[in-house]
C-alpha atoms as a PDB file:
ATOM      1  CA  MET A   1     113.846 114.167 128.879  1.00  0.00           C
ATOM      2  CA  TRP A   2     113.038 117.454 130.895  1.00  0.00           C
ATOM      3  CA  LEU A   3     109.558 118.406 131.497  1.00  0.00           C
ATOM      4  CA  ILE A   4     108.948 122.509 131.244  1.00  0.00           C
ATOM      5  CA  THR A   5     105.461 123.591 132.861  1.00  0.00           C
ATOM      6  CA  ARG A   6     104.851 120.233 134.806  1.00  0.00           C
ATOM      7  CA  GLN A   7     102.663 122.239 136.865  1.00  0.00           C
ATOM      8  CA  LYS A   8      99.898 122.236 134.047  1.00  0.00           C
ATOM      9  CA  LEU A   9      99.660 118.347 135.042  1.00  0.00           C
ATOM     10  CA  LYS A  10      99.176 118.991 138.825  1.00  0.00           C
ATOM     11  CA  ASP A  11      96.752 121.864 138.112  1.00  0.00           C
ATOM     12  CA  PHE A  12      94.710 119.877 135.777  1.00  0.00           C
ATOM     13  CA  TRP A  13      94.643 116.710 138.114  1.00  0.00           C
ATOM     14  CA  LYS A  14      93.396 118.937 140.958  1.00  0.00           C
ATOM     15  CA  LYS A  15      90.222 119.482 138.963  1.00  0.00           C
ATOM     16  CA  HIS A  16      90.081 115.989 137.261  1.00  0.00           C
ATOM     17  CA  ALA A  17      91.242 113.546 140.134  1.00  0.00           C
ATOM     18  CA  ASP A  18      91.172 110.642 137.774  1.00  0.00           C
ATOM     19  CA  ALA A  19      93.745 111.981 135.488  1.00  0.00           C
ATOM     20  CA  GLU A  20      96.356 111.998 138.550  1.00  0.00           C
ATOM     21  CA  GLU A  21      97.582 108.516 138.079  1.00  0.00           C
ATOM     22  CA  PRO A  22      97.981 108.089 134.290  1.00  0.00           C
ATOM     23  CA  LEU A  23      99.594 111.628 134.044  1.00  0.00           C
ATOM     24  CA  THR A  24     102.118 110.799 136.961  1.00  0.00           C
ATOM     25  CA  VAL A  25     102.847 107.565 135.017  1.00  0.00           C
ATOM     26  CA  TRP A  26     103.363 109.328 131.784  1.00  0.00           C
ATOM     27  CA  ALA A  27     105.767 112.142 133.329  1.00  0.00           C
ATOM     28  CA  LYS A  28     107.719 109.517 134.965  1.00  0.00           C
ATOM     29  CA  GLU A  29     108.000 107.635 131.758  1.00  0.00           C
ATOM     30  CA  ALA A  30     108.818 110.772 129.807  1.00  0.00           C
ATOM     31  CA  GLU A  31     111.399 111.902 132.200  1.00  0.00           C
ATOM     32  CA  HIS A  32     113.404 108.782 131.933  1.00  0.00           C
ATOM     33  CA  ALA A  33     112.815 108.466 127.995  1.00  0.00           C
ATOM     34  CA  GLN A  34     115.469 109.108 125.317  1.00  0.00           C
ATOM     35  CA  TRP A  35     113.233 110.181 122.490  1.00  0.00           C
ATOM     36  CA  THR A  36     115.178 111.094 119.312  1.00  0.00           C
ATOM     37  CA  SER A  37     112.151 111.369 117.098  1.00  0.00           C
ATOM     38  CA  SER A  38     108.295 110.842 117.181  1.00  0.00           C
ATOM     39  CA  ASN A  39     108.848 107.374 116.003  1.00  0.00           C
ATOM     40  CA  ASP A  40     110.339 106.427 119.217  1.00  0.00           C
ATOM     41  CA  ILE A  41     107.332 107.898 120.962  1.00  0.00           C
ATOM     42  CA  ILE A  42     105.056 105.787 118.810  1.00  0.00           C
ATOM     43  CA  THR A  43     106.875 102.674 119.524  1.00  0.00           C
ATOM     44  CA  ARG A  44     105.824 103.067 123.061  1.00  0.00           C
ATOM     45  CA  TYR A  45     102.674 105.034 122.896  1.00  0.00           C
ATOM     46  CA  PRO A  46     100.855 103.718 119.705  1.00  0.00           C
ATOM     47  CA  TYR A  47      97.997 105.833 120.027  1.00  0.00           C
ATOM     48  CA  ALA A  48     100.058 109.147 120.211  1.00  0.00           C
ATOM     49  CA  ASP A  49      99.353 111.411 117.215  1.00  0.00           C
ATOM     50  CA  PRO A  50     102.497 113.345 115.982  1.00  0.00           C
ATOM     51  CA  VAL A  51     100.886 116.705 114.531  1.00  0.00           C
ATOM     52  CA  GLY A  52     103.723 118.626 113.137  1.00  0.00           C
ATOM     53  CA  ASP A  53     106.416 121.275 114.488  1.00  0.00           C
ATOM     54  CA  ASN A  54     107.411 118.556 116.842  1.00  0.00           C
ATOM     55  CA  ARG A  55     104.171 118.396 118.726  1.00  0.00           C
ATOM     56  CA  VAL A  56     102.588 115.178 119.897  1.00  0.00           C
ATOM     57  CA  VAL A  57      99.288 114.449 121.200  1.00  0.00           C
ATOM     58  CA  PHE A  58      98.872 111.724 123.621  1.00  0.00           C
ATOM     59  CA  ASN A  59      95.694 110.077 124.680  1.00  0.00           C
ATOM     60  CA  ILE A  60      95.546 109.972 128.502  1.00  0.00           C
ATOM     61  CA  LYS A  61      93.144 107.609 130.442  1.00  0.00           C
ATOM     62  CA  GLY A  62      91.580 105.846 127.576  1.00  0.00           C
ATOM     63  CA  LYS A  63      91.429 109.133 125.274  1.00  0.00           C
ATOM     64  CA  LYS A  64      89.188 110.684 128.101  1.00  0.00           C
ATOM     65  CA  TYR A  65      91.862 113.387 128.056  1.00  0.00           C
ATOM     66  CA  ARG A  66      94.469 114.818 125.595  1.00  0.00           C
ATOM     67  CA  LEU A  67      98.006 115.918 126.393  1.00  0.00           C
ATOM     68  CA  VAL A  68      99.807 117.952 123.603  1.00  0.00           C
ATOM     69  CA  VAL A  69     103.485 118.429 124.025  1.00  0.00           C
ATOM     70  CA  LYS A  70     106.209 120.278 121.962  1.00  0.00           C
ATOM     71  CA  ILE A  71     109.549 118.140 122.040  1.00  0.00           C
ATOM     72  CA  HIS A  72     112.969 119.453 121.338  1.00  0.00           C
ATOM     73  CA  TYR A  73     114.700 116.390 120.373  1.00  0.00           C
ATOM     74  CA  ASN A  74     118.123 117.792 120.216  1.00  0.00           C
ATOM     75  CA  THR A  75     117.887 119.266 123.713  1.00  0.00           C
ATOM     76  CA  LYS A  76     115.874 116.663 125.416  1.00  0.00           C
ATOM     77  CA  VAL A  77     113.052 118.978 126.436  1.00  0.00           C
ATOM     78  CA  VAL A  78     109.204 118.518 126.604  1.00  0.00           C
ATOM     79  CA  TYR A  79     107.158 121.426 126.795  1.00  0.00           C
ATOM     80  CA  ILE A  80     103.628 120.736 127.977  1.00  0.00           C
ATOM     81  CA  ARG A  81     101.595 122.891 125.679  1.00  0.00           C
ATOM     82  CA  PHE A  82      97.767 121.562 126.690  1.00  0.00           C
ATOM     83  CA  ILE A  83      96.006 119.122 128.807  1.00  0.00           C
ATOM     84  CA  GLY A  84      92.183 119.088 128.691  1.00  0.00           C
ATOM     85  CA  THR A  85      89.153 116.964 127.907  1.00  0.00           C
ATOM     86  CA  HIS A  86      88.450 115.695 124.618  1.00  0.00           C
ATOM     87  CA  ALA A  87      85.876 118.545 124.108  1.00  0.00           C
ATOM     88  CA  GLU A  88      88.270 121.140 125.006  1.00  0.00           C
ATOM     89  CA  TYR A  89      90.986 119.560 122.807  1.00  0.00           C
ATOM     90  CA  ASN A  90      88.634 119.912 119.829  1.00  0.00           C
ATOM     91  CA  LYS A  91      88.746 123.803 120.407  1.00  0.00           C
ATOM     92  CA  ILE A  92      92.206 123.998 119.850  1.00  0.00           C
ATOM     93  CA  ASN A  93      94.934 123.885 117.206  1.00  0.00           C
ATOM     94  CA  ALA A  94      97.471 121.308 118.347  1.00  0.00           C
ATOM     95  CA  GLU A  95      99.878 122.488 115.846  1.00  0.00           C
ATOM     96  CA  THR A  96     100.069 125.996 117.178  1.00  0.00           C
ATOM     97  CA  ILE A  97      99.138 125.833 120.822  1.00  0.00           C
END
């Protein structure tokens, strides 16, 4: 998979240093993944939550942070739409962000 706007992850972990390792691990796994549907993601990440419009919410660092991505399965592109704390996540609509 090809990650778009990976810089969002780096910007986030500059503010939240404890997020760097789990986000780096997630990004490496995502880049090597061959996801064809949200079912493939749930197999690897059972606590990930498909929320519609090919968006998936990942819990990062034991649910301390939330990562929302939009995936184009046919072109193997993952768009990073949001990364934030649980409180920040509660203020957005994951289906439209």
